[in-house]
PDB file of N, CA and C in Angstrom:
ATOM      1  N   MET A   1       0.766  -1.303   0.015  1.00  0.00           N
ATOM      2  CA  MET A   1       0.093  -0.140  -0.057  1.00  0.00           C
ATOM      3  C   MET A   1       0.807   1.226   0.120  1.00  0.00           C
ATOM      4  N   ILE A   2       0.723   2.403  -0.909  1.00  0.00           N
ATOM      5  CA  ILE A   2       1.333   3.363  -0.945  1.00  0.00           C
ATOM      6  C   ILE A   2       0.385   4.526  -0.417  1.00  0.00           C
ATOM      7  N   THR A   3       0.833   5.435   0.564  1.00  0.00           N
ATOM      8  CA  THR A   3       0.136   6.435   1.157  1.00  0.00           C
ATOM      9  C   THR A   3       0.602   7.686   0.545  1.00  0.00           C
ATOM     10  N   SER A   4      -0.201   8.680   0.418  1.00  0.00           N
ATOM     11  CA  SER A   4       0.446  10.102  -0.223  1.00  0.00           C
ATOM     12  C   SER A   4      -0.507  10.938   0.595  1.00  0.00           C
ATOM     13  N   ILE A   5      -0.124  12.110   0.815  1.00  0.00           N
ATOM     14  CA  ILE A   5      -0.734  13.251   1.306  1.00  0.00           C
ATOM     15  C   ILE A   5      -0.568  14.437   0.136  1.00  0.00           C
ATOM     16  N   ILE A   6      -1.728  14.783  -0.281  1.00  0.00           N
ATOM     17  CA  ILE A   6      -1.993  15.687  -1.098  1.00  0.00           C
ATOM     18  C   ILE A   6      -2.602  17.075  -0.549  1.00  0.00           C
ATOM     19  N   LEU A   7      -1.747  18.124  -0.445  1.00  0.00           N
ATOM     20  CA  LEU A   7      -2.300  19.438   0.077  1.00  0.00           C
ATOM     21  C   LEU A   7      -2.511  20.348  -1.231  1.00  0.00           C
ATOM     22  N   LEU A   8      -3.698  20.592  -1.151  1.00  0.00           N
ATOM     23  CA  LEU A   8      -4.464  21.525  -1.903  1.00  0.00           C
ATOM     24  C   LEU A   8      -4.940  22.970  -1.958  1.00  0.00           C
ATOM     25  N   ASN A   9      -4.550  23.847  -2.864  1.00  0.00           N
ATOM     26  CA  ASN A   9      -5.194  25.067  -2.770  1.00  0.00           C
ATOM     27  C   ASN A   9      -6.239  25.193  -3.939  1.00  0.00           C
ATOM     28  N   VAL A  10      -7.500  25.735  -3.327  1.00  0.00           N
ATOM     29  CA  VAL A  10      -8.655  25.471  -4.253  1.00  0.00           C
ATOM     30  C   VAL A  10      -9.279  26.847  -4.229  1.00  0.00           C
ATOM     31  N   ALA A  11     -10.333  27.125  -5.047  1.00  0.00           N
ATOM     32  CA  ALA A  11     -11.155  28.323  -5.125  1.00  0.00           C
ATOM     33  C   ALA A  11     -11.966  28.279  -3.839  1.00  0.00           C
ATOM     34  N   ARG A  12     -11.741  29.627  -3.278  1.00  0.00           N
ATOM     35  CA  ARG A  12     -12.218  29.765  -1.671  1.00  0.00           C
ATOM     36  C   ARG A  12     -13.730  29.556  -1.753  1.00  0.00           C
ATOM     37  N   THR A  13     -14.390  29.836  -2.642  1.00  0.00           N
ATOM     38  CA  THR A  13     -16.022  29.311  -2.857  1.00  0.00           C
ATOM     39  C   THR A  13     -16.077  27.983  -2.728  1.00  0.00           C
ATOM     40  N   ARG A  14     -15.403  27.269  -3.459  1.00  0.00           N
ATOM     41  CA  ARG A  14     -15.570  25.885  -3.624  1.00  0.00           C
ATOM     42  C   ARG A  14     -15.041  24.776  -2.844  1.00  0.00           C
ATOM     43  N   ILE A  15     -14.678  25.172  -1.313  1.00  0.00           N
ATOM     44  CA  ILE A  15     -13.842  24.231  -0.964  1.00  0.00           C
ATOM     45  C   ILE A  15     -14.700  23.109  -0.275  1.00  0.00           C
ATOM     46  N   ASN A  16     -16.072  23.211   0.262  1.00  0.00           N
ATOM     47  CA  ASN A  16     -16.637  22.183   0.655  1.00  0.00           C
ATOM     48  C   ASN A  16     -16.984  21.411  -0.492  1.00  0.00           C
ATOM     49  N   GLU A  17     -17.596  21.671  -1.562  1.00  0.00           N
ATOM     50  CA  GLU A  17     -17.868  21.014  -3.069  1.00  0.00           C
ATOM     51  C   GLU A  17     -16.726  20.249  -3.281  1.00  0.00           C
ATOM     52  N   ILE A  18     -15.451  20.775  -3.461  1.00  0.00           N
ATOM     53  CA  ILE A  18     -14.447  20.004  -3.919  1.00  0.00           C
ATOM     54  C   ILE A  18     -13.968  18.913  -2.972  1.00  0.00           C
ATOM     55  N   ALA A  19     -14.135  18.946  -1.557  1.00  0.00           N
ATOM     56  CA  ALA A  19     -13.789  18.078  -0.719  1.00  0.00           C
ATOM     57  C   ALA A  19     -14.881  17.115  -0.540  1.00  0.00           C
ATOM     58  N   GLU A  20     -15.975  17.384  -1.090  1.00  0.00           N
ATOM     59  CA  GLU A  20     -16.868  16.328  -1.114  1.00  0.00           C
ATOM     60  C   GLU A  20     -16.641  15.363  -2.451  1.00  0.00           C
ATOM     61  N   GLN A  21     -16.564  16.122  -3.426  1.00  0.00           N
ATOM     62  CA  GLN A  21     -16.098  15.363  -4.570  1.00  0.00           C
ATOM     63  C   GLN A  21     -14.698  14.515  -4.400  1.00  0.00           C
ATOM     64  N   LEU A  22     -13.859  14.918  -3.987  1.00  0.00           N
ATOM     65  CA  LEU A  22     -12.585  14.213  -3.335  1.00  0.00           C
ATOM     66  C   LEU A  22     -12.935  12.993  -2.791  1.00  0.00           C
ATOM     67  N   ALA A  23     -13.753  13.192  -1.593  1.00  0.00           N
ATOM     68  CA  ALA A  23     -13.967  12.064  -0.762  1.00  0.00           C
ATOM     69  C   ALA A  23     -14.691  10.848  -1.252  1.00  0.00           C
ATOM     70  N   GLU A  24     -15.174  11.337  -2.426  1.00  0.00           N
ATOM     71  CA  GLU A  24     -16.260  10.086  -3.335  1.00  0.00           C
ATOM     72  C   GLU A  24     -15.203   9.376  -4.211  1.00  0.00           C
ATOM     73  N   MET A  25     -13.985   9.731  -4.301  1.00  0.00           N
ATOM     74  CA  MET A  25     -13.044   9.104  -5.118  1.00  0.00           C
ATOM     75  C   MET A  25     -12.546   7.543  -4.385  1.00  0.00           C
ATOM     76  N   GLN A  26     -12.498   6.470  -4.819  1.00  0.00           N
ATOM     77  CA  GLN A  26     -12.184   5.241  -4.323  1.00  0.00           C
ATOM     78  C   GLN A  26     -10.519   5.539  -3.455  1.00  0.00           C
ATOM     79  N   GLU A  27      -9.734   6.065  -4.105  1.00  0.00           N
ATOM     80  CA  GLU A  27      -8.637   6.196  -3.743  1.00  0.00           C
ATOM     81  C   GLU A  27      -8.385   7.015  -2.483  1.00  0.00           C
ATOM     82  N   VAL A  28      -9.331   7.949  -2.191  1.00  0.00           N
ATOM     83  CA  VAL A  28      -9.067   8.936  -1.180  1.00  0.00           C
ATOM     84  C   VAL A  28      -9.582   8.089   0.068  1.00  0.00           C
ATOM     85  N   SER A  29      -9.046   8.144   1.289  1.00  0.00           N
ATOM     86  CA  SER A  29      -9.472   7.531   2.276  1.00  0.00           C
ATOM     87  C   SER A  29      -9.883   8.641   3.345  1.00  0.00           C
ATOM     88  N   GLU A  30      -9.452   9.768   3.138  1.00  0.00           N
ATOM     89  CA  GLU A  30      -9.742  11.206   4.080  1.00  0.00           C
ATOM     90  C   GLU A  30      -9.567  12.622   3.406  1.00  0.00           C
ATOM     91  N   VAL A  31     -10.302  13.363   3.937  1.00  0.00           N
ATOM     92  CA  VAL A  31     -10.265  14.827   3.345  1.00  0.00           C
ATOM     93  C   VAL A  31     -10.699  15.657   4.464  1.00  0.00           C
ATOM     94  N   TYR A  32      -9.663  16.666   4.500  1.00  0.00           N
ATOM     95  CA  TYR A  32      -9.549  17.499   5.858  1.00  0.00           C
ATOM     96  C   TYR A  32      -9.592  18.959   4.926  1.00  0.00           C
ATOM     97  N   SER A  33     -10.587  19.868   5.456  1.00  0.00           N
ATOM     98  CA  SER A  33     -10.528  21.309   5.443  1.00  0.00           C
ATOM     99  C   SER A  33      -9.516  21.574   6.490  1.00  0.00           C
ATOM    100  N   VAL A  34      -8.458  22.710   6.512  1.00  0.00           N
ATOM    101  CA  VAL A  34      -7.531  22.930   7.314  1.00  0.00           C
ATOM    102  C   VAL A  34      -7.102  24.570   7.073  1.00  0.00           C
ATOM    103  N   THR A  35      -6.690  24.903   8.354  1.00  0.00           N
ATOM    104  CA  THR A  35      -6.315  26.280   8.350  1.00  0.00           C
ATOM    105  C   THR A  35      -4.971  26.424   7.786  1.00  0.00           C
ATOM    106  N   GLY A  36      -4.305  27.627   7.529  1.00  0.00           N
ATOM    107  CA  GLY A  36      -2.710  27.762   7.015  1.00  0.00           C
ATOM    108  C   GLY A  36      -2.716  27.682   5.463  1.00  0.00           C
ATOM    109  N   ASN A  37      -1.525  27.310   5.041  1.00  0.00           N
ATOM    110  CA  ASN A  37      -1.369  27.512   3.808  1.00  0.00           C
ATOM    111  C   ASN A  37      -2.018  26.774   2.550  1.00  0.00           C
ATOM    112  N   TYR A  38      -2.666  25.848   3.111  1.00  0.00           N
ATOM    113  CA  TYR A  38      -3.409  25.141   1.924  1.00  0.00           C
ATOM    114  C   TYR A  38      -5.040  25.185   2.545  1.00  0.00           C
ATOM    115  N   ASP A  39      -5.879  24.693   2.012  1.00  0.00           N
ATOM    116  CA  ASP A  39      -7.173  24.497   1.936  1.00  0.00           C
ATOM    117  C   ASP A  39      -7.746  23.315   2.436  1.00  0.00           C
ATOM    118  N   LEU A  40      -7.251  22.204   1.652  1.00  0.00           N
ATOM    119  CA  LEU A  40      -7.684  20.872   1.885  1.00  0.00           C
ATOM    120  C   LEU A  40      -6.341  20.086   1.843  1.00  0.00           C
ATOM    121  N   VAL A  41      -6.427  19.213   2.843  1.00  0.00           N
ATOM    122  CA  VAL A  41      -5.390  18.178   2.981  1.00  0.00           C
ATOM    123  C   VAL A  41      -6.120  16.806   2.403  1.00  0.00           C
ATOM    124  N   VAL A  42      -5.563  15.781   1.751  1.00  0.00           N
ATOM    125  CA  VAL A  42      -6.181  14.676   1.224  1.00  0.00           C
ATOM    126  C   VAL A  42      -5.387  13.593   1.422  1.00  0.00           C
ATOM    127  N   ILE A  43      -5.957  12.484   2.206  1.00  0.00           N
ATOM    128  CA  ILE A  43      -5.188  11.182   2.243  1.00  0.00           C
ATOM    129  C   ILE A  43      -5.413  10.031   1.336  1.00  0.00           C
ATOM    130  N   VAL A  44      -4.376   9.759   0.605  1.00  0.00           N
ATOM    131  CA  VAL A  44      -4.802   8.729  -0.442  1.00  0.00           C
ATOM    132  C   VAL A  44      -4.018   7.545  -0.342  1.00  0.00           C
ATOM    133  N   ARG A  45      -4.664   6.608  -0.358  1.00  0.00           N
ATOM    134  CA  ARG A  45      -3.940   5.157  -0.451  1.00  0.00           C
ATOM    135  C   ARG A  45      -4.290   4.359  -1.789  1.00  0.00           C
ATOM    136  N   VAL A  46      -3.171   3.778  -2.187  1.00  0.00           N
ATOM    137  CA  VAL A  46      -3.385   3.103  -3.614  1.00  0.00           C
ATOM    138  C   VAL A  46      -2.565   1.748  -3.412  1.00  0.00           C
ATOM    139  N   ALA A  47      -2.281   1.038  -4.462  1.00  0.00           N
ATOM    140  CA  ALA A  47      -1.596  -0.185  -4.434  1.00  0.00           C
ATOM    141  C   ALA A  47      -0.478   0.042  -5.106  1.00  0.00           C
ATOM    142  N   GLN A  48      -0.254   0.892  -6.126  1.00  0.00           N
ATOM    143  CA  GLN A  48       1.034   1.290  -7.019  1.00  0.00           C
ATOM    144  C   GLN A  48       0.750   2.637  -7.332  1.00  0.00           C
ATOM    145  N   ASN A  49       2.384   3.030  -7.691  1.00  0.00           N
ATOM    146  CA  ASN A  49       2.596   4.364  -8.192  1.00  0.00           C
ATOM    147  C   ASN A  49       1.857   4.711  -8.884  1.00  0.00           C
ATOM    148  N   ASP A  50       1.615   3.853 -10.186  1.00  0.00           N
ATOM    149  CA  ASP A  50       0.894   4.283 -11.229  1.00  0.00           C
ATOM    150  C   ASP A  50      -0.658   4.685 -11.007  1.00  0.00           C
ATOM    151  N   ASP A  51      -1.259   4.095  -9.897  1.00  0.00           N
ATOM    152  CA  ASP A  51      -2.487   4.505  -9.293  1.00  0.00           C
ATOM    153  C   ASP A  51      -2.582   6.052  -9.001  1.00  0.00           C
ATOM    154  N   LEU A  52      -1.459   6.453  -8.325  1.00  0.00           N
ATOM    155  CA  LEU A  52      -1.514   7.651  -7.519  1.00  0.00           C
ATOM    156  C   LEU A  52      -1.014   8.809  -8.941  1.00  0.00           C
ATOM    157  N   ALA A  53      -0.282   8.188  -9.767  1.00  0.00           N
ATOM    158  CA  ALA A  53      -0.068   9.202 -11.093  1.00  0.00           C
ATOM    159  C   ALA A  53      -1.374   9.287 -11.752  1.00  0.00           C
ATOM    160  N   ARG A  54      -2.287   8.164 -12.036  1.00  0.00           N
ATOM    161  CA  ARG A  54      -3.308   8.535 -12.770  1.00  0.00           C
ATOM    162  C   ARG A  54      -4.396   9.361 -11.897  1.00  0.00           C
ATOM    163  N   LEU A  55      -4.367   9.163 -10.539  1.00  0.00           N
ATOM    164  CA  LEU A  55      -5.202  10.030  -9.589  1.00  0.00           C
ATOM    165  C   LEU A  55      -5.072  11.460  -9.945  1.00  0.00           C
ATOM    166  N   VAL A  56      -3.771  11.786  -9.774  1.00  0.00           N
ATOM    167  CA  VAL A  56      -3.226  13.398 -10.144  1.00  0.00           C
ATOM    168  C   VAL A  56      -3.170  13.762 -11.314  1.00  0.00           C
ATOM    169  N   THR A  57      -2.671  13.138 -12.171  1.00  0.00           N
ATOM    170  CA  THR A  57      -2.831  13.549 -13.696  1.00  0.00           C
ATOM    171  C   THR A  57      -3.983  13.562 -14.629  1.00  0.00           C
ATOM    172  N   GLU A  58      -4.797  12.408 -13.959  1.00  0.00           N
ATOM    173  CA  GLU A  58      -6.018  12.442 -14.614  1.00  0.00           C
ATOM    174  C   GLU A  58      -7.122  12.656 -13.910  1.00  0.00           C
ATOM    175  N   GLN A  59      -7.327  12.400 -12.927  1.00  0.00           N
ATOM    176  CA  GLN A  59      -8.626  12.782 -11.948  1.00  0.00           C
ATOM    177  C   GLN A  59      -8.639  14.035 -11.433  1.00  0.00           C
ATOM    178  N   LEU A  60      -7.739  14.654 -10.782  1.00  0.00           N
ATOM    179  CA  LEU A  60      -7.643  15.863 -10.086  1.00  0.00           C
ATOM    180  C   LEU A  60      -7.585  17.004 -11.161  1.00  0.00           C
ATOM    181  N   VAL A  61      -6.689  16.934 -12.010  1.00  0.00           N
ATOM    182  CA  VAL A  61      -7.015  17.871 -13.341  1.00  0.00           C
ATOM    183  C   VAL A  61      -7.974  18.424 -13.748  1.00  0.00           C
ATOM    184  N   LYS A  62      -9.201  17.449 -13.740  1.00  0.00           N
ATOM    185  CA  LYS A  62     -10.248  17.519 -14.040  1.00  0.00           C
ATOM    186  C   LYS A  62     -11.183  18.155 -12.930  1.00  0.00           C
ATOM    187  N   ILE A  63     -10.828  18.295 -12.089  1.00  0.00           N
ATOM    188  CA  ILE A  63     -11.888  19.045 -11.115  1.00  0.00           C
ATOM    189  C   ILE A  63     -11.578  20.895 -11.042  1.00  0.00           C
ATOM    190  N   ASP A  64     -12.391  21.212 -11.693  1.00  0.00           N
ATOM    191  CA  ASP A  64     -12.407  22.813 -11.521  1.00  0.00           C
ATOM    192  C   ASP A  64     -12.612  23.353 -10.081  1.00  0.00           C
ATOM    193  N   GLY A  65     -11.561  24.348  -9.938  1.00  0.00           N
ATOM    194  CA  GLY A  65     -11.463  24.963  -8.761  1.00  0.00           C
ATOM    195  C   GLY A  65     -10.097  24.554  -8.233  1.00  0.00           C
ATOM    196  N   ILE A  66      -9.459  23.573  -8.448  1.00  0.00           N
ATOM    197  CA  ILE A  66      -8.379  23.201  -7.752  1.00  0.00           C
ATOM    198  C   ILE A  66      -7.105  23.863  -8.426  1.00  0.00           C
ATOM    199  N   GLU A  67      -6.467  24.775  -7.504  1.00  0.00           N
ATOM    200  CA  GLU A  67      -5.580  25.825  -8.223  1.00  0.00           C
ATOM    201  C   GLU A  67      -4.162  25.493  -8.066  1.00  0.00           C
ATOM    202  N   LYS A  68      -3.710  25.037  -7.042  1.00  0.00           N
ATOM    203  CA  LYS A  68      -2.468  23.864  -6.779  1.00  0.00           C
ATOM    204  C   LYS A  68      -2.678  22.675  -6.062  1.00  0.00           C
ATOM    205  N   THR A  69      -1.670  21.945  -6.179  1.00  0.00           N
ATOM    206  CA  THR A  69      -1.485  20.952  -5.557  1.00  0.00           C
ATOM    207  C   THR A  69       0.001  20.566  -5.220  1.00  0.00           C
ATOM    208  N   ASP A  70       0.169  19.891  -3.721  1.00  0.00           N
ATOM    209  CA  ASP A  70       1.618  19.553  -3.604  1.00  0.00           C
ATOM    210  C   ASP A  70       1.438  18.037  -2.984  1.00  0.00           C
ATOM    211  N   THR A  71       1.728  17.177  -3.678  1.00  0.00           N
ATOM    212  CA  THR A  71       1.938  15.795  -3.323  1.00  0.00           C
ATOM    213  C   THR A  71       3.143  15.343  -2.523  1.00  0.00           C
ATOM    214  N   MET A  72       3.079  14.531  -1.566  1.00  0.00           N
ATOM    215  CA  MET A  72       4.208  13.964  -0.846  1.00  0.00           C
ATOM    216  C   MET A  72       3.738  12.614  -0.843  1.00  0.00           C
ATOM    217  N   LEU A  73       4.577  11.542  -0.802  1.00  0.00           N
ATOM    218  CA  LEU A  73       4.566  10.028  -0.634  1.00  0.00           C
ATOM    219  C   LEU A  73       5.160   9.985   0.831  1.00  0.00           C
ATOM    220  N   ALA A  74       4.293   8.946   1.368  1.00  0.00           N
ATOM    221  CA  ALA A  74       4.814   8.787   2.965  1.00  0.00           C
ATOM    222  C   ALA A  74       5.842   7.502   2.812  1.00  0.00           C
ATOM    223  N   PHE A  75       6.714   7.662   3.518  1.00  0.00           N
ATOM    224  CA  PHE A  75       7.986   6.638   3.339  1.00  0.00           C
ATOM    225  C   PHE A  75       7.444   5.418   4.389  1.00  0.00           C
ATOM    226  N   LYS A  76       7.012   5.785   5.668  1.00  0.00           N
ATOM    227  CA  LYS A  76       7.011   5.066   6.604  1.00  0.00           C
ATOM    228  C   LYS A  76       6.063   5.546   7.617  1.00  0.00           C
ATOM    229  N   ALA A  77       4.834   4.839   8.258  1.00  0.00           N
ATOM    230  CA  ALA A  77       3.914   5.038   9.154  1.00  0.00           C
ATOM    231  C   ALA A  77       4.321   4.661  10.612  1.00  0.00           C
ATOM    232  N   TYR A  78       3.898   5.580  11.258  1.00  0.00           N
ATOM    233  CA  TYR A  78       4.005   5.515  12.754  1.00  0.00           C
ATOM    234  C   TYR A  78       2.754   5.527  13.451  1.00  0.00           C
ATOM    235  N   SER A  79       2.204   4.256  13.632  1.00  0.00           N
ATOM    236  CA  SER A  79       1.028   4.188  14.213  1.00  0.00           C
ATOM    237  C   SER A  79       0.584   2.948  15.195  1.00  0.00           C
ATOM    238  N   ARG A  80      -0.410   3.551  16.241  1.00  0.00           N
ATOM    239  CA  ARG A  80      -0.721   2.394  17.329  1.00  0.00           C
ATOM    240  C   ARG A  80      -1.773   1.257  16.708  1.00  0.00           C
ATOM    241  N   HIS A  81      -1.747   1.745  15.235  1.00  0.00           N
ATOM    242  CA  HIS A  81      -3.017   1.159  14.526  1.00  0.00           C
ATOM    243  C   HIS A  81      -2.488   0.179  13.603  1.00  0.00           C
ATOM    244  N   ASP A  82      -3.331  -0.683  13.103  1.00  0.00           N
ATOM    245  CA  ASP A  82      -2.675  -1.505  12.087  1.00  0.00           C
ATOM    246  C   ASP A  82      -3.037  -1.105  10.604  1.00  0.00           C
ATOM    247  N   LEU A  83      -2.406  -0.013  10.159  1.00  0.00           N
ATOM    248  CA  LEU A  83      -3.206   0.625   8.936  1.00  0.00           C
ATOM    249  C   LEU A  83      -3.277  -0.211   7.918  1.00  0.00           C
ATOM    250  N   GLU A  84      -2.190  -0.974   7.644  1.00  0.00           N
ATOM    251  CA  GLU A  84      -2.228  -2.058   6.270  1.00  0.00           C
ATOM    252  C   GLU A  84      -3.757  -2.587   6.581  1.00  0.00           C
ATOM    253  N   ALA A  85      -4.062  -3.159   7.578  1.00  0.00           N
ATOM    254  CA  ALA A  85      -5.023  -3.907   7.751  1.00  0.00           C
ATOM    255  C   ALA A  85      -6.516  -3.204   7.602  1.00  0.00           C
ATOM    256  N   MET A  86      -6.127  -1.950   8.242  1.00  0.00           N
ATOM    257  CA  MET A  86      -7.361  -0.861   8.136  1.00  0.00           C
ATOM    258  C   MET A  86      -7.861  -0.434   6.760  1.00  0.00           C
ATOM    259  N   PHE A  87      -6.689  -0.417   5.879  1.00  0.00           N
ATOM    260  CA  PHE A  87      -6.955   0.206   4.335  1.00  0.00           C
ATOM    261  C   PHE A  87      -6.406  -0.894   3.501  1.00  0.00           C
ATOM    262  N   ALA A  88      -6.662  -2.023   3.766  1.00  0.00           N
ATOM    263  CA  ALA A  88      -6.233  -2.909   3.029  1.00  0.00           C
ATOM    264  C   ALA A  88      -7.014  -2.837   1.399  1.00  0.00           C
ATOM    265  N   ILE A  89      -6.513  -2.779   0.376  1.00  0.00           N
ATOM    266  CA  ILE A  89      -7.142  -2.736  -1.124  1.00  0.00           C
ATOM    267  C   ILE A  89      -7.190  -4.059  -1.518  1.00  0.00           C
TER     268      ILE A  89
END
């Protein structure tokens, strides 16, 4: 499982609408509206890097109102929970 954190700047008037669109995507496990330099934080879990590439380059680009993304790959998870079992694909 590959976990990615995507930070998004979106049109201010569309934050809730875009968050709901993202939350409906199969690859997206969580979407947070946040304070600070970004508007939304999206947690993505996929089986392969190609799945993440497809999500970013084919699906996110189609969502009107996303102005900027910053995608980070997680190397290792530190958690009390068995994340692999919780998010098994």
